Amino acid sequence: MSALDLGTALINITVGKLKGTGTWVVLDDHSLIYAEFPTLREARAGARAAASELRREGFHFVCIDDLWEER
């Protein structure tokens, strides 16, 4: 059984912007999550919802990397 199966792996959720499209995406480093959003605000909300869902499923070590600043 892998650490991911046990729910002990660190899962990093990233909020990013697709180059040239203006589409915001939320994804993670274990290919559990991928979603597209039209705005940064919606993407951040989606990332928080995804983190909550993963925690409910037993993944206790979930963090969100949001490197974007509002201007």
Protein backbone atom coordinates (compact mmCIF):
# COMPACT_ATOMS: atom_id res chain seq x y z
CA MET A 1 0.00 0.00 0.00
CA SER A 2 1.42 3.40 -0.92
CA ALA A 3 1.47 6.48 1.30
CA LEU A 4 -1.17 8.02 -0.98
CA ASP A 5 -3.44 5.03 -0.33
CA LEU A 6 -3.03 5.51 3.40
CA GLY A 7 -3.91 9.18 3.20
CA THR A 8 -0.57 10.20 4.70
CA ALA A 9 0.93 11.79 1.60
CA LEU A 10 1.33 15.54 1.34
CA ILE A 11 -0.97 16.81 -1.39
CA ASN A 12 -0.14 20.22 -2.86
CA ILE A 13 -3.01 21.96 -4.65
CA THR A 14 -1.86 24.71 -7.01
CA VAL A 15 -3.82 27.64 -8.43
CA GLY A 16 -2.40 28.75 -11.77
CA LYS A 17 -3.21 30.50 -15.02
CA LEU A 18 -2.90 28.83 -18.41
CA LYS A 19 -0.57 30.81 -20.61
CA GLY A 20 -2.29 32.59 -23.45
CA THR A 21 -5.84 31.56 -22.54
CA GLY A 22 -6.76 33.53 -19.43
CA THR A 23 -8.19 30.36 -17.90
CA TRP A 24 -7.43 29.66 -14.24
CA VAL A 25 -6.76 26.07 -13.22
CA VAL A 26 -6.63 24.15 -9.97
CA LEU A 27 -4.57 20.96 -9.93
CA ASP A 28 -2.54 18.84 -7.57
CA ASP A 29 0.72 16.92 -7.68
CA HIS A 30 -0.93 13.47 -7.54
CA SER A 31 -3.42 13.95 -10.42
CA LEU A 32 -6.43 13.77 -8.10
CA ILE A 33 -7.76 17.21 -9.06
CA TYR A 34 -8.03 19.23 -12.26
CA ALA A 35 -10.57 22.00 -12.77
CA GLU A 36 -10.78 25.14 -14.90
CA PHE A 37 -12.29 28.46 -13.83
CA PRO A 38 -12.87 31.80 -15.58
CA THR A 39 -11.65 33.95 -12.67
CA LEU A 40 -8.99 33.83 -9.98
CA ARG A 41 -11.62 34.24 -7.29
CA GLU A 42 -13.52 31.16 -8.49
CA ALA A 43 -10.28 29.19 -8.79
CA ARG A 44 -9.34 30.00 -5.20
CA ALA A 45 -12.79 28.93 -4.02
CA GLY A 46 -12.46 25.73 -6.03
CA ALA A 47 -9.06 25.00 -4.46
CA ARG A 48 -10.47 25.46 -0.96
CA ALA A 49 -13.42 23.17 -1.78
CA ALA A 50 -11.08 20.53 -3.22
CA ALA A 51 -8.88 20.66 -0.12
CA SER A 52 -11.91 20.23 2.13
CA GLU A 53 -13.12 17.27 0.12
CA LEU A 54 -9.72 15.57 0.23
CA ARG A 55 -9.57 16.05 3.99
CA ARG A 56 -13.03 14.49 4.35
CA GLU A 57 -11.76 11.53 2.30
CA GLY A 58 -8.93 11.00 4.80
CA PHE A 59 -6.04 12.95 3.28
CA HIS A 60 -4.90 14.96 6.27
CA PHE A 61 -1.90 16.75 4.76
CA VAL A 62 -3.33 19.07 2.10
CA CYS A 63 -1.96 22.53 1.33
CA ILE A 64 -2.86 25.14 -1.27
CA ASP A 65 -0.12 26.95 -3.18
CA ASP A 66 -1.60 30.24 -4.36
CA LEU A 67 1.18 32.41 -5.72
CA TRP A 68 -1.09 34.98 -7.38
CA GLU A 69 -1.59 38.44 -5.95
CA GLU A 70 -4.55 40.65 -6.72
CA ARG A 71 -3.59 43.94 -8.39
